[in-house]
All heavy atoms as atom14 arrays in JSON, in Angstrom:
{
  "sequence": "VLGAACDAASSDWCKGDAGLRRVEAALFMIGYDIPLAKKPARSGRS",
  "atom14_mask": [
    [1, 1, 1, 1, 1, 1, 1, 0, 0, 0, 0, 0, 0, 0],
    [1, 1, 1, 1, 1, 1, 1, 1, 0, 0, 0, 0, 0, 0],
    [1, 1, 1, 1, 0, 0, 0, 0, 0, 0, 0, 0, 0, 0],
    [1, 1, 1, 1, 1, 0, 0, 0, 0, 0, 0, 0, 0, 0],
    [1, 1, 1, 1, 1, 0, 0, 0, 0, 0, 0, 0, 0, 0],
    [1, 1, 1, 1, 1, 1, 0, 0, 0, 0, 0, 0, 0, 0],
    [1, 1, 1, 1, 1, 1, 1, 1, 0, 0, 0, 0, 0, 0],
    [1, 1, 1, 1, 1, 0, 0, 0, 0, 0, 0, 0, 0, 0],
    [1, 1, 1, 1, 1, 0, 0, 0, 0, 0, 0, 0, 0, 0],
    [1, 1, 1, 1, 1, 1, 0, 0, 0, 0, 0, 0, 0, 0],
    [1, 1, 1, 1, 1, 1, 0, 0, 0, 0, 0, 0, 0, 0],
    [1, 1, 1, 1, 1, 1, 1, 1, 0, 0, 0, 0, 0, 0],
    [1, 1, 1, 1, 1, 1, 1, 1, 1, 1, 1, 1, 1, 1],
    [1, 1, 1, 1, 1, 1, 0, 0, 0, 0, 0, 0, 0, 0],
    [1, 1, 1, 1, 1, 1, 1, 1, 1, 0, 0, 0, 0, 0],
    [1, 1, 1, 1, 0, 0, 0, 0, 0, 0, 0, 0, 0, 0],
    [1, 1, 1, 1, 1, 1, 1, 1, 0, 0, 0, 0, 0, 0],
    [1, 1, 1, 1, 1, 0, 0, 0, 0, 0, 0, 0, 0, 0],
    [1, 1, 1, 1, 0, 0, 0, 0, 0, 0, 0, 0, 0, 0],
    [1, 1, 1, 1, 1, 1, 1, 1, 0, 0, 0, 0, 0, 0],
    [1, 1, 1, 1, 1, 1, 1, 1, 1, 1, 1, 0, 0, 0],
    [1, 1, 1, 1, 1, 1, 1, 1, 1, 1, 1, 0, 0, 0],
    [1, 1, 1, 1, 1, 1, 1, 0, 0, 0, 0, 0, 0, 0],
    [1, 1, 1, 1, 1, 1, 1, 1, 1, 0, 0, 0, 0, 0],
    [1, 1, 1, 1, 1, 0, 0, 0, 0, 0, 0, 0, 0, 0],
    [1, 1, 1, 1, 1, 0, 0, 0, 0, 0, 0, 0, 0, 0],
    [1, 1, 1, 1, 1, 1, 1, 1, 0, 0, 0, 0, 0, 0],
    [1, 1, 1, 1, 1, 1, 1, 1, 1, 1, 1, 0, 0, 0],
    [1, 1, 1, 1, 1, 1, 1, 1, 0, 0, 0, 0, 0, 0],
    [1, 1, 1, 1, 1, 1, 1, 1, 0, 0, 0, 0, 0, 0],
    [1, 1, 1, 1, 0, 0, 0, 0, 0, 0, 0, 0, 0, 0],
    [1, 1, 1, 1, 1, 1, 1, 1, 1, 1, 1, 1, 0, 0],
    [1, 1, 1, 1, 1, 1, 1, 1, 0, 0, 0, 0, 0, 0],
    [1, 1, 1, 1, 1, 1, 1, 1, 0, 0, 0, 0, 0, 0],
    [1, 1, 1, 1, 1, 1, 1, 0, 0, 0, 0, 0, 0, 0],
    [1, 1, 1, 1, 1, 1, 1, 1, 0, 0, 0, 0, 0, 0],
    [1, 1, 1, 1, 1, 0, 0, 0, 0, 0, 0, 0, 0, 0],
    [1, 1, 1, 1, 1, 1, 1, 1, 1, 0, 0, 0, 0, 0],
    [1, 1, 1, 1, 1, 1, 1, 1, 1, 0, 0, 0, 0, 0],
    [1, 1, 1, 1, 1, 1, 1, 0, 0, 0, 0, 0, 0, 0],
    [1, 1, 1, 1, 1, 0, 0, 0, 0, 0, 0, 0, 0, 0],
    [1, 1, 1, 1, 1, 1, 1, 1, 1, 1, 1, 0, 0, 0],
    [1, 1, 1, 1, 1, 1, 0, 0, 0, 0, 0, 0, 0, 0],
    [1, 1, 1, 1, 0, 0, 0, 0, 0, 0, 0, 0, 0, 0],
    [1, 1, 1, 1, 1, 1, 1, 1, 1, 1, 1, 0, 0, 0],
    [1, 1, 1, 1, 1, 1, 0, 0, 0, 0, 0, 0, 0, 0]
  ],
  "atom14_positions": [
    [[15.01, 20.93, -1.11], [14.73, 19.73, -0.31], [15.79, 19.53, 0.75], [15.48, 19.32, 1.94], [14.63, 18.49, -1.23], [14.74, 17.21, -0.42], [13.31, 18.5, -2.0], [0.0, 0.0, 0.0], [0.0, 0.0, 0.0], [0.0, 0.0, 0.0], [0.0, 0.0, 0.0], [0.0, 0.0, 0.0], [0.0, 0.0, 0.0], [0.0, 0.0, 0.0]],
    [[17.05, 19.6, 0.37], [18.13, 19.38, 1.34], [18.18, 20.49, 2.37], [18.43, 20.23, 3.56], [19.46, 19.25, 0.62], [19.69, 17.94, -0.12], [21.0, 17.96, -0.87], [19.67, 16.76, 0.85], [0.0, 0.0, 0.0], [0.0, 0.0, 0.0], [0.0, 0.0, 0.0], [0.0, 0.0, 0.0], [0.0, 0.0, 0.0], [0.0, 0.0, 0.0]],
    [[17.95, 21.73, 1.93], [17.94, 22.83, 2.89], [16.85, 22.67, 3.92], [17.07, 22.88, 5.12], [0.0, 0.0, 0.0], [0.0, 0.0, 0.0], [0.0, 0.0, 0.0], [0.0, 0.0, 0.0], [0.0, 0.0, 0.0], [0.0, 0.0, 0.0], [0.0, 0.0, 0.0], [0.0, 0.0, 0.0], [0.0, 0.0, 0.0], [0.0, 0.0, 0.0]],
    [[15.65, 22.29, 3.48], [14.53, 22.09, 4.4], [14.8, 20.93, 5.34], [14.48, 20.99, 6.54], [13.25, 21.84, 3.61], [0.0, 0.0, 0.0], [0.0, 0.0, 0.0], [0.0, 0.0, 0.0], [0.0, 0.0, 0.0], [0.0, 0.0, 0.0], [0.0, 0.0, 0.0], [0.0, 0.0, 0.0], [0.0, 0.0, 0.0], [0.0, 0.0, 0.0]],
    [[15.4, 19.85, 4.82], [15.69, 18.69, 5.67], [16.76, 19.02, 6.71], [16.65, 18.61, 7.87], [16.15, 17.52, 4.8], [0.0, 0.0, 0.0], [0.0, 0.0, 0.0], [0.0, 0.0, 0.0], [0.0, 0.0, 0.0], [0.0, 0.0, 0.0], [0.0, 0.0, 0.0], [0.0, 0.0, 0.0], [0.0, 0.0, 0.0], [0.0, 0.0, 0.0]],
    [[17.79, 19.76, 6.3], [18.83, 20.16, 7.25], [18.25, 21.06, 8.34], [18.61, 20.95, 9.52], [19.96, 20.88, 6.52], [21.02, 19.81, 5.52], [0.0, 0.0, 0.0], [0.0, 0.0, 0.0], [0.0, 0.0, 0.0], [0.0, 0.0, 0.0], [0.0, 0.0, 0.0], [0.0, 0.0, 0.0], [0.0, 0.0, 0.0], [0.0, 0.0, 0.0]],
    [[17.34, 21.96, 7.96], [16.7, 22.84, 8.95], [15.84, 22.04, 9.92], [15.77, 22.36, 11.11], [15.84, 23.89, 8.24], [16.66, 24.94, 7.52], [17.86, 25.06, 7.82], [16.09, 25.64, 6.65], [0.0, 0.0, 0.0], [0.0, 0.0, 0.0], [0.0, 0.0, 0.0], [0.0, 0.0, 0.0], [0.0, 0.0, 0.0], [0.0, 0.0, 0.0]],
    [[15.18, 20.99, 9.41], [14.29, 20.18, 10.25], [15.04, 19.21, 11.14], [14.54, 18.81, 12.19], [13.3, 19.41, 9.37], [0.0, 0.0, 0.0], [0.0, 0.0, 0.0], [0.0, 0.0, 0.0], [0.0, 0.0, 0.0], [0.0, 0.0, 0.0], [0.0, 0.0, 0.0], [0.0, 0.0, 0.0], [0.0, 0.0, 0.0], [0.0, 0.0, 0.0]],
    [[16.25, 18.82, 10.72], [17.04, 17.88, 11.52], [17.58, 18.56, 12.78], [17.66, 19.78, 12.85], [18.19, 17.33, 10.68], [0.0, 0.0, 0.0], [0.0, 0.0, 0.0], [0.0, 0.0, 0.0], [0.0, 0.0, 0.0], [0.0, 0.0, 0.0], [0.0, 0.0, 0.0], [0.0, 0.0, 0.0], [0.0, 0.0, 0.0], [0.0, 0.0, 0.0]],
    [[17.94, 17.76, 13.76], [18.47, 18.3, 15.01], [19.97, 18.09, 15.17], [20.59, 18.71, 16.02], [17.74, 17.67, 16.2], [17.88, 16.26, 16.18], [0.0, 0.0, 0.0], [0.0, 0.0, 0.0], [0.0, 0.0, 0.0], [0.0, 0.0, 0.0], [0.0, 0.0, 0.0], [0.0, 0.0, 0.0], [0.0, 0.0, 0.0], [0.0, 0.0, 0.0]],
    [[20.57, 17.24, 14.36], [21.99, 16.92, 14.48], [22.88, 18.09, 14.05], [22.6, 18.76, 13.05], [22.34, 15.69, 13.65], [21.63, 14.56, 14.11], [0.0, 0.0, 0.0], [0.0, 0.0, 0.0], [0.0, 0.0, 0.0], [0.0, 0.0, 0.0], [0.0, 0.0, 0.0], [0.0, 0.0, 0.0], [0.0, 0.0, 0.0], [0.0, 0.0, 0.0]],
    [[23.97, 18.3, 14.77], [24.87, 19.41, 14.48], [25.64, 19.23, 13.18], [26.0, 20.21, 12.53], [25.87, 19.59, 15.63], [25.21, 20.11, 16.9], [24.13, 20.72, 16.8], [25.78, 19.91, 17.98], [0.0, 0.0, 0.0], [0.0, 0.0, 0.0], [0.0, 0.0, 0.0], [0.0, 0.0, 0.0], [0.0, 0.0, 0.0], [0.0, 0.0, 0.0]],
    [[25.9, 17.99, 12.78], [26.79, 17.75, 11.64], [26.22, 18.29, 10.33], [26.98, 18.55, 9.4], [27.1, 16.26, 11.51], [26.04, 15.43, 10.83], [24.93, 14.91, 11.4], [26.01, 15.03, 9.45], [24.19, 14.21, 10.47], [24.84, 14.26, 9.27], [26.85, 15.24, 8.36], [24.49, 13.72, 8.03], [26.5, 14.69, 7.13], [25.33, 13.93, 6.98]],
    [[24.9, 18.48, 10.26], [24.28, 18.93, 9.01], [23.74, 20.36, 9.11], [22.9, 20.76, 8.31], [23.16, 17.98, 8.61], [21.84, 17.81, 9.84], [0.0, 0.0, 0.0], [0.0, 0.0, 0.0], [0.0, 0.0, 0.0], [0.0, 0.0, 0.0], [0.0, 0.0, 0.0], [0.0, 0.0, 0.0], [0.0, 0.0, 0.0], [0.0, 0.0, 0.0]],
    [[24.22, 21.14, 10.06], [23.71, 22.49, 10.25], [24.6, 23.55, 9.57], [25.81, 23.43, 9.51], [23.62, 22.81, 11.75], [22.53, 22.03, 12.47], [21.15, 22.34, 11.89], [20.04, 21.66, 12.64], [18.71, 21.93, 12.04], [0.0, 0.0, 0.0], [0.0, 0.0, 0.0], [0.0, 0.0, 0.0], [0.0, 0.0, 0.0], [0.0, 0.0, 0.0]],
    [[23.94, 24.6, 9.07], [24.65, 25.74, 8.49], [25.25, 25.43, 7.12], [25.04, 24.37, 6.54], [0.0, 0.0, 0.0], [0.0, 0.0, 0.0], [0.0, 0.0, 0.0], [0.0, 0.0, 0.0], [0.0, 0.0, 0.0], [0.0, 0.0, 0.0], [0.0, 0.0, 0.0], [0.0, 0.0, 0.0], [0.0, 0.0, 0.0], [0.0, 0.0, 0.0]],
    [[26.05, 26.39, 6.62], [26.69, 26.2, 5.32], [27.61, 25.0, 5.32], [27.64, 24.22, 4.35], [27.49, 27.46, 4.96], [26.6, 28.68, 4.73], [25.37, 28.5, 4.64], [27.14, 29.8, 4.64], [0.0, 0.0, 0.0], [0.0, 0.0, 0.0], [0.0, 0.0, 0.0], [0.0, 0.0, 0.0], [0.0, 0.0, 0.0], [0.0, 0.0, 0.0]],
    [[28.37, 24.82, 6.4], [29.28, 23.68, 6.49], [28.49, 22.37, 6.51], [28.93, 21.37, 5.95], [30.15, 23.8, 7.74], [0.0, 0.0, 0.0], [0.0, 0.0, 0.0], [0.0, 0.0, 0.0], [0.0, 0.0, 0.0], [0.0, 0.0, 0.0], [0.0, 0.0, 0.0], [0.0, 0.0, 0.0], [0.0, 0.0, 0.0], [0.0, 0.0, 0.0]],
    [[27.33, 22.38, 7.16], [26.5, 21.19, 7.22], [26.0, 20.76, 5.85], [25.99, 19.57, 5.52], [0.0, 0.0, 0.0], [0.0, 0.0, 0.0], [0.0, 0.0, 0.0], [0.0, 0.0, 0.0], [0.0, 0.0, 0.0], [0.0, 0.0, 0.0], [0.0, 0.0, 0.0], [0.0, 0.0, 0.0], [0.0, 0.0, 0.0], [0.0, 0.0, 0.0]],
    [[25.59, 21.73, 5.04], [25.12, 21.42, 3.69], [26.25, 20.8, 2.87], [26.03, 19.86, 2.11], [24.61, 22.68, 3.0], [24.05, 22.47, 1.59], [22.86, 21.51, 1.59], [23.66, 23.8, 0.96], [0.0, 0.0, 0.0], [0.0, 0.0, 0.0], [0.0, 0.0, 0.0], [0.0, 0.0, 0.0], [0.0, 0.0, 0.0], [0.0, 0.0, 0.0]],
    [[27.47, 21.31, 3.03], [28.61, 20.73, 2.32], [28.86, 19.29, 2.76], [29.21, 18.44, 1.95], [29.87, 21.56, 2.56], [29.83, 22.99, 2.08], [30.12, 23.12, 0.59], [29.03, 22.67, -0.26], [27.97, 23.42, -0.56], [27.84, 24.64, -0.07], [27.02, 22.95, -1.34], [0.0, 0.0, 0.0], [0.0, 0.0, 0.0], [0.0, 0.0, 0.0]],
    [[28.68, 19.0, 4.04], [28.88, 17.62, 4.53], [27.82, 16.69, 3.96], [28.12, 15.57, 3.57], [28.85, 17.6, 6.06], [29.98, 18.39, 6.71], [29.99, 18.17, 8.22], [30.85, 19.14, 8.88], [30.42, 20.16, 9.61], [29.1, 20.34, 9.78], [31.26, 20.99, 10.17], [0.0, 0.0, 0.0], [0.0, 0.0, 0.0], [0.0, 0.0, 0.0]],
    [[26.57, 17.16, 3.93], [25.5, 16.34, 3.36], [25.75, 16.11, 1.88], [25.54, 15.0, 1.36], [24.13, 17.01, 3.59], [23.02, 16.23, 2.9], [23.84, 17.13, 5.09], [0.0, 0.0, 0.0], [0.0, 0.0, 0.0], [0.0, 0.0, 0.0], [0.0, 0.0, 0.0], [0.0, 0.0, 0.0], [0.0, 0.0, 0.0], [0.0, 0.0, 0.0]],
    [[26.21, 17.12, 1.19], [26.57, 17.0, -0.21], [27.64, 15.93, -0.4], [27.56, 15.1, -1.33], [27.08, 18.35, -0.69], [27.45, 18.47, -2.14], [27.97, 19.88, -2.42], [29.19, 20.1, -2.26], [27.16, 20.75, -2.77], [0.0, 0.0, 0.0], [0.0, 0.0, 0.0], [0.0, 0.0, 0.0], [0.0, 0.0, 0.0], [0.0, 0.0, 0.0]],
    [[28.63, 15.91, 0.5], [29.68, 14.89, 0.44], [29.14, 13.5, 0.71], [29.57, 12.51, 0.1], [30.79, 15.23, 1.44], [0.0, 0.0, 0.0], [0.0, 0.0, 0.0], [0.0, 0.0, 0.0], [0.0, 0.0, 0.0], [0.0, 0.0, 0.0], [0.0, 0.0, 0.0], [0.0, 0.0, 0.0], [0.0, 0.0, 0.0], [0.0, 0.0, 0.0]],
    [[28.17, 13.4, 1.62], [27.55, 12.11, 1.91], [26.83, 11.58, 0.67], [26.94, 10.39, 0.32], [26.57, 12.24, 3.08], [0.0, 0.0, 0.0], [0.0, 0.0, 0.0], [0.0, 0.0, 0.0], [0.0, 0.0, 0.0], [0.0, 0.0, 0.0], [0.0, 0.0, 0.0], [0.0, 0.0, 0.0], [0.0, 0.0, 0.0], [0.0, 0.0, 0.0]],
    [[26.09, 12.46, -0.01], [25.39, 12.06, -1.23], [26.39, 11.65, -2.32], [26.15, 10.7, -3.08], [24.52, 13.2, -1.74], [23.33, 13.59, -0.85], [22.62, 14.82, -1.43], [22.36, 12.44, -0.7], [0.0, 0.0, 0.0], [0.0, 0.0, 0.0], [0.0, 0.0, 0.0], [0.0, 0.0, 0.0], [0.0, 0.0, 0.0], [0.0, 0.0, 0.0]],
    [[27.49, 12.35, -2.38], [28.52, 12.03, -3.37], [29.04, 10.61, -3.16], [29.26, 9.87, -4.13], [29.67, 13.04, -3.23], [30.72, 12.93, -4.3], [30.51, 13.48, -5.56], [31.92, 12.29, -4.05], [31.48, 13.4, -6.54], [32.9, 12.2, -5.03], [32.68, 12.76, -6.28], [0.0, 0.0, 0.0], [0.0, 0.0, 0.0], [0.0, 0.0, 0.0]],
    [[29.2, 10.21, -1.91], [29.66, 8.86, -1.62], [28.57, 7.83, -1.93], [28.83, 6.78, -2.52], [30.1, 8.74, -0.17], [31.41, 9.47, 0.13], [32.79, 8.93, -0.92], [32.98, 7.22, -0.38], [0.0, 0.0, 0.0], [0.0, 0.0, 0.0], [0.0, 0.0, 0.0], [0.0, 0.0, 0.0], [0.0, 0.0, 0.0], [0.0, 0.0, 0.0]],
    [[27.35, 8.12, -1.54], [26.25, 7.18, -1.79], [26.08, 6.97, -3.3], [25.84, 5.85, -3.76], [24.94, 7.71, -1.18], [25.04, 7.67, 0.34], [23.74, 6.88, -1.64], [23.9, 8.37, 1.05], [0.0, 0.0, 0.0], [0.0, 0.0, 0.0], [0.0, 0.0, 0.0], [0.0, 0.0, 0.0], [0.0, 0.0, 0.0], [0.0, 0.0, 0.0]],
    [[26.25, 8.03, -4.07], [26.07, 7.95, -5.5], [27.21, 7.28, -6.24], [27.15, 7.11, -7.46], [0.0, 0.0, 0.0], [0.0, 0.0, 0.0], [0.0, 0.0, 0.0], [0.0, 0.0, 0.0], [0.0, 0.0, 0.0], [0.0, 0.0, 0.0], [0.0, 0.0, 0.0], [0.0, 0.0, 0.0], [0.0, 0.0, 0.0], [0.0, 0.0, 0.0]],
    [[28.26, 6.89, -5.54], [29.41, 6.23, -6.17], [28.98, 4.96, -6.9], [29.41, 4.7, -8.02], [30.45, 5.9, -5.09], [31.67, 5.16, -5.59], [32.71, 5.84, -6.21], [31.79, 3.78, -5.44], [33.83, 5.17, -6.67], [32.91, 3.1, -5.89], [33.93, 3.8, -6.51], [35.04, 3.14, -6.97], [0.0, 0.0, 0.0], [0.0, 0.0, 0.0]],
    [[28.13, 4.18, -6.27], [27.66, 2.93, -6.87], [26.31, 2.61, -6.24], [26.23, 2.27, -5.06], [28.66, 1.81, -6.59], [28.42, 0.58, -7.44], [27.54, 0.62, -8.31], [29.12, -0.43, -7.23], [0.0, 0.0, 0.0], [0.0, 0.0, 0.0], [0.0, 0.0, 0.0], [0.0, 0.0, 0.0], [0.0, 0.0, 0.0], [0.0, 0.0, 0.0]],
    [[25.24, 2.72, -7.01], [23.89, 2.51, -6.5], [23.56, 1.01, -6.48], [23.72, 0.33, -7.49], [22.85, 3.26, -7.35], [23.15, 4.77, -7.37], [21.44, 2.99, -6.85], [23.09, 5.42, -6.02], [0.0, 0.0, 0.0], [0.0, 0.0, 0.0], [0.0, 0.0, 0.0], [0.0, 0.0, 0.0], [0.0, 0.0, 0.0], [0.0, 0.0, 0.0]],
    [[23.11, 0.49, -5.33], [22.73, -0.93, -5.28], [21.65, -1.25, -6.31], [20.75, -0.45, -6.55], [22.19, -1.09, -3.85], [22.82, 0.01, -3.08], [22.94, 1.15, -4.04], [0.0, 0.0, 0.0], [0.0, 0.0, 0.0], [0.0, 0.0, 0.0], [0.0, 0.0, 0.0], [0.0, 0.0, 0.0], [0.0, 0.0, 0.0], [0.0, 0.0, 0.0]],
    [[21.78, -2.39, -6.94], [20.78, -2.8, -7.91], [19.43, -2.97, -7.23], [19.34, -3.35, -6.06], [21.21, -4.1, -8.59], [22.48, -4.0, -9.45], [22.86, -5.38, -9.97], [22.28, -3.02, -10.6], [0.0, 0.0, 0.0], [0.0, 0.0, 0.0], [0.0, 0.0, 0.0], [0.0, 0.0, 0.0], [0.0, 0.0, 0.0], [0.0, 0.0, 0.0]],
    [[18.39, -2.7, -8.0], [17.03, -2.74, -7.45], [16.61, -4.17, -7.11], [17.01, -5.14, -7.77], [16.06, -2.14, -8.45], [0.0, 0.0, 0.0], [0.0, 0.0, 0.0], [0.0, 0.0, 0.0], [0.0, 0.0, 0.0], [0.0, 0.0, 0.0], [0.0, 0.0, 0.0], [0.0, 0.0, 0.0], [0.0, 0.0, 0.0], [0.0, 0.0, 0.0]],
    [[15.78, -4.28, -6.1], [15.19, -5.56, -5.75], [14.06, -5.87, -6.73], [13.64, -5.03, -7.5], [14.63, -5.51, -4.31], [15.68, -5.21, -3.26], [15.02, -5.1, -1.89], [16.04, -4.75, -0.81], [15.39, -4.58, 0.52], [0.0, 0.0, 0.0], [0.0, 0.0, 0.0], [0.0, 0.0, 0.0], [0.0, 0.0, 0.0], [0.0, 0.0, 0.0]],
    [[13.54, -7.07, -6.67], [12.41, -7.42, -7.51], [11.23, -6.53, -7.15], [11.02, -6.22, -5.97], [12.04, -8.9, -7.33], [13.1, -9.86, -7.85], [12.64, -11.3, -7.68], [13.7, -12.26, -8.22], [13.28, -13.67, -8.06], [0.0, 0.0, 0.0], [0.0, 0.0, 0.0], [0.0, 0.0, 0.0], [0.0, 0.0, 0.0], [0.0, 0.0, 0.0]],
    [[10.44, -6.12, -8.12], [9.32, -5.2, -7.84], [8.27, -5.83, -6.95], [8.03, -7.04, -6.99], [8.73, -4.92, -9.23], [9.14, -6.09, -10.05], [10.49, -6.51, -9.54], [0.0, 0.0, 0.0], [0.0, 0.0, 0.0], [0.0, 0.0, 0.0], [0.0, 0.0, 0.0], [0.0, 0.0, 0.0], [0.0, 0.0, 0.0], [0.0, 0.0, 0.0]],
    [[7.65, -4.98, -6.15], [6.57, -5.44, -5.28], [5.35, -5.73, -6.15], [5.23, -5.3, -7.29], [6.24, -4.38, -4.25], [0.0, 0.0, 0.0], [0.0, 0.0, 0.0], [0.0, 0.0, 0.0], [0.0, 0.0, 0.0], [0.0, 0.0, 0.0], [0.0, 0.0, 0.0], [0.0, 0.0, 0.0], [0.0, 0.0, 0.0], [0.0, 0.0, 0.0]],
    [[4.37, -6.45, -5.59], [3.17, -6.81, -6.37], [2.34, -5.6, -6.72], [1.69, -5.55, -7.74], [2.33, -7.81, -5.55], [2.99, -9.18, -5.44], [2.1, -10.1, -4.63], [2.68, -11.43, -4.51], [2.52, -12.39, -5.41], [1.78, -12.17, -6.47], [3.06, -13.59, -5.23], [0.0, 0.0, 0.0], [0.0, 0.0, 0.0], [0.0, 0.0, 0.0]],
    [[2.3, -4.62, -5.82], [1.46, -3.45, -6.08], [2.02, -2.25, -5.36], [2.9, -2.36, -4.52], [0.03, -3.69, -5.6], [0.0, -3.9, -4.2], [0.0, 0.0, 0.0], [0.0, 0.0, 0.0], [0.0, 0.0, 0.0], [0.0, 0.0, 0.0], [0.0, 0.0, 0.0], [0.0, 0.0, 0.0], [0.0, 0.0, 0.0], [0.0, 0.0, 0.0]],
    [[1.54, -1.07, -5.72], [1.93, 0.16, -5.05], [0.77, 1.11, -5.09], [-0.23, 0.88, -5.77], [0.0, 0.0, 0.0], [0.0, 0.0, 0.0], [0.0, 0.0, 0.0], [0.0, 0.0, 0.0], [0.0, 0.0, 0.0], [0.0, 0.0, 0.0], [0.0, 0.0, 0.0], [0.0, 0.0, 0.0], [0.0, 0.0, 0.0], [0.0, 0.0, 0.0]],
    [[0.86, 2.17, -4.35], [-0.21, 3.15, -4.38], [0.42, 4.52, -4.62], [1.58, 4.75, -4.29], [-1.01, 3.16, -3.06], [-0.16, 3.48, -1.84], [-1.0, 3.34, -0.55], [-0.23, 3.51, 0.65], [0.04, 4.69, 1.2], [-0.4, 5.79, 0.64], [0.76, 4.77, 2.29], [0.0, 0.0, 0.0], [0.0, 0.0, 0.0], [0.0, 0.0, 0.0]],
    [[-0.34, 5.4, -5.19], [0.19, 6.72, -5.54], [0.39, 7.54, -4.28], [-0.26, 7.39, -3.28], [-0.79, 7.44, -6.47], [-0.97, 6.72, -7.66], [0.0, 0.0, 0.0], [0.0, 0.0, 0.0], [0.0, 0.0, 0.0], [0.0, 0.0, 0.0], [0.0, 0.0, 0.0], [0.0, 0.0, 0.0], [0.0, 0.0, 0.0], [0.0, 0.0, 0.0]]
  ]
}
């Protein structure tokens, strides 16, 4: 998934082997503390 997204993106910061490592670092920071979920919506669709 990340490889395909990096290939589809146009920004230089996420390109190549170094780009994948940067995206990995971004995910590492986001995963530090996940915001608590909001109240559920009334409905959803598959």
